[in-house]
N, C-alpha and C. Protein backbone atom coordinates (compact mmCIF):
# COMPACT_ATOMS: atom_id res chain seq x y z
N UNK A 1 0.64 -1.54 0.50
CA UNK A 1 -0.29 -0.11 -0.43
C UNK A 1 0.48 0.80 -0.21
N UNK A 2 1.45 1.72 0.78
CA UNK A 2 2.90 2.22 0.91
C UNK A 2 3.81 1.95 0.15
N UNK A 3 4.37 1.62 -0.62
CA UNK A 3 5.26 1.38 -2.37
C UNK A 3 7.44 1.85 -1.26
N UNK A 4 6.98 0.80 -0.32
CA UNK A 4 7.59 0.19 0.62
C UNK A 4 8.68 0.39 1.07
N UNK A 5 10.26 -0.30 1.67
CA UNK A 5 10.66 -1.56 1.12
C UNK A 5 10.82 -2.33 2.81
N UNK A 6 11.02 -3.55 3.31
CA UNK A 6 10.19 -4.27 4.45
C UNK A 6 11.12 -4.13 5.51
N UNK A 7 12.24 -3.00 4.82
CA UNK A 7 13.30 -2.63 5.98
C UNK A 7 12.90 -1.39 6.65
N UNK A 8 12.17 -0.68 5.39
CA UNK A 8 11.72 0.47 6.44
C UNK A 8 9.93 0.47 6.43
N UNK A 9 9.55 -0.68 6.40
CA UNK A 9 8.18 -0.84 6.92
C UNK A 9 8.68 -1.09 8.45
N UNK A 10 10.00 -2.26 8.37
CA UNK A 10 10.09 -2.66 10.03
C UNK A 10 9.93 -1.29 11.21
N UNK A 11 11.31 -0.59 10.45
CA UNK A 11 11.34 0.39 10.47
C UNK A 11 10.34 1.63 11.33
N UNK A 12 9.20 1.80 10.99
CA UNK A 12 8.19 2.64 10.91
C UNK A 12 7.45 1.75 12.08
N UNK A 13 7.63 0.77 11.65
CA UNK A 13 6.69 0.08 13.21
C UNK A 13 7.20 -0.05 14.27
N UNK A 14 8.64 -0.06 14.08
CA UNK A 14 9.43 -0.12 15.49
C UNK A 14 9.39 1.27 15.86
N UNK A 15 9.49 1.94 15.10
CA UNK A 15 9.63 3.55 15.62
C UNK A 15 8.36 4.16 16.37
N UNK A 16 7.17 3.21 15.80
CA UNK A 16 6.35 3.86 16.44
C UNK A 16 4.77 5.10 15.56
N UNK A 17 5.71 5.41 13.98
CA UNK A 17 5.83 5.99 13.07
C UNK A 17 3.11 4.76 12.82
N UNK A 18 4.28 4.04 12.35
CA UNK A 18 2.63 3.12 12.20
C UNK A 18 2.27 3.11 13.20
N UNK A 19 1.10 2.47 13.84
CA UNK A 19 0.40 1.69 14.78
C UNK A 19 0.04 0.18 14.57
N UNK A 20 0.42 -0.54 15.22
CA UNK A 20 0.15 -2.07 15.15
C UNK A 20 0.75 -2.96 15.88
N UNK A 21 0.74 -4.27 15.92
CA UNK A 21 0.58 -5.24 17.63
C UNK A 21 1.02 -6.46 16.02
N UNK A 22 1.36 -7.29 17.50
CA UNK A 22 1.37 -7.78 17.21
C UNK A 22 0.66 -9.68 17.27
N UNK A 23 0.73 -10.55 16.17
CA UNK A 23 -0.69 -11.40 16.64
C UNK A 23 0.41 -13.15 15.98
N UNK A 24 1.17 -13.03 17.19
CA UNK A 24 2.90 -14.53 16.84
C UNK A 24 4.02 -13.78 16.21
N UNK A 25 3.57 -13.97 15.11
CA UNK A 25 4.90 -13.70 14.72
C UNK A 25 4.14 -12.32 13.12
N UNK A 26 3.58 -12.66 13.68
CA UNK A 26 2.90 -11.39 12.15
C UNK A 26 2.31 -10.56 13.06
N UNK A 27 3.24 -9.16 12.29
CA UNK A 27 2.99 -7.70 12.24
C UNK A 27 1.74 -7.11 12.26
N UNK A 28 0.54 -6.94 12.39
CA UNK A 28 -0.83 -6.97 12.05
C UNK A 28 -1.62 -4.77 11.85
N UNK A 29 -1.42 -4.54 10.92
CA UNK A 29 -1.40 -3.00 10.47
C UNK A 29 -2.80 -2.56 10.27
N UNK A 30 -3.69 -2.15 10.94
CA UNK A 30 -5.11 -2.02 10.21
C UNK A 30 -5.08 -0.09 9.25
N UNK A 31 -5.11 -1.07 8.73
CA UNK A 31 -5.71 -0.29 7.63
C UNK A 31 -5.90 1.87 7.59
N UNK A 32 -6.80 1.99 8.88
CA UNK A 32 -6.51 3.01 9.61
C UNK A 32 -5.08 4.33 9.75
N UNK A 33 -4.64 3.91 10.46
CA UNK A 33 -2.69 3.69 10.78
C UNK A 33 -2.25 3.48 9.81
N UNK A 34 -2.84 3.51 8.82
CA UNK A 34 -1.87 3.39 7.15
C UNK A 34 -2.02 5.25 7.15
N UNK A 35 -3.32 4.99 6.83
CA UNK A 35 -4.13 6.82 6.75
C UNK A 35 -4.04 7.36 7.58
N UNK A 36 -3.74 7.22 8.18
CA UNK A 36 -2.90 8.23 9.44
C UNK A 36 -1.78 8.05 9.48
N UNK A 37 -0.81 8.18 9.02
CA UNK A 37 0.73 8.74 8.93
C UNK A 37 0.78 9.22 7.53
N UNK A 38 0.14 8.49 6.71
CA UNK A 38 0.14 9.24 5.64
C UNK A 38 0.01 10.85 5.32
N UNK A 39 -1.07 10.96 5.73
CA UNK A 39 -2.44 12.22 6.21
C UNK A 39 -0.80 12.57 6.96
N UNK A 40 -0.55 12.46 8.38
CA UNK A 40 0.03 13.07 9.01
C UNK A 40 1.86 13.98 7.95
N UNK A 41 1.71 12.71 6.76
CA UNK A 41 2.50 12.75 6.27
C UNK A 41 2.75 14.08 4.98
N UNK A 42 1.99 14.47 4.65
CA UNK A 42 0.91 15.34 4.07
C UNK A 42 0.75 16.41 4.05
N UNK A 43 0.31 16.49 5.08
CA UNK A 43 -0.64 17.35 6.40
C UNK A 43 0.09 18.59 6.86
């Protein structure tokens, strides 16, 4: 959705810029979190 690499995605998750949570070994990222991140970067 963001067209970024895996390393950048994990960096955003660890820094808290995108809100997400773990379900076992998998990161679950709500679409709302991605939209909020994009709006925050643009506006």
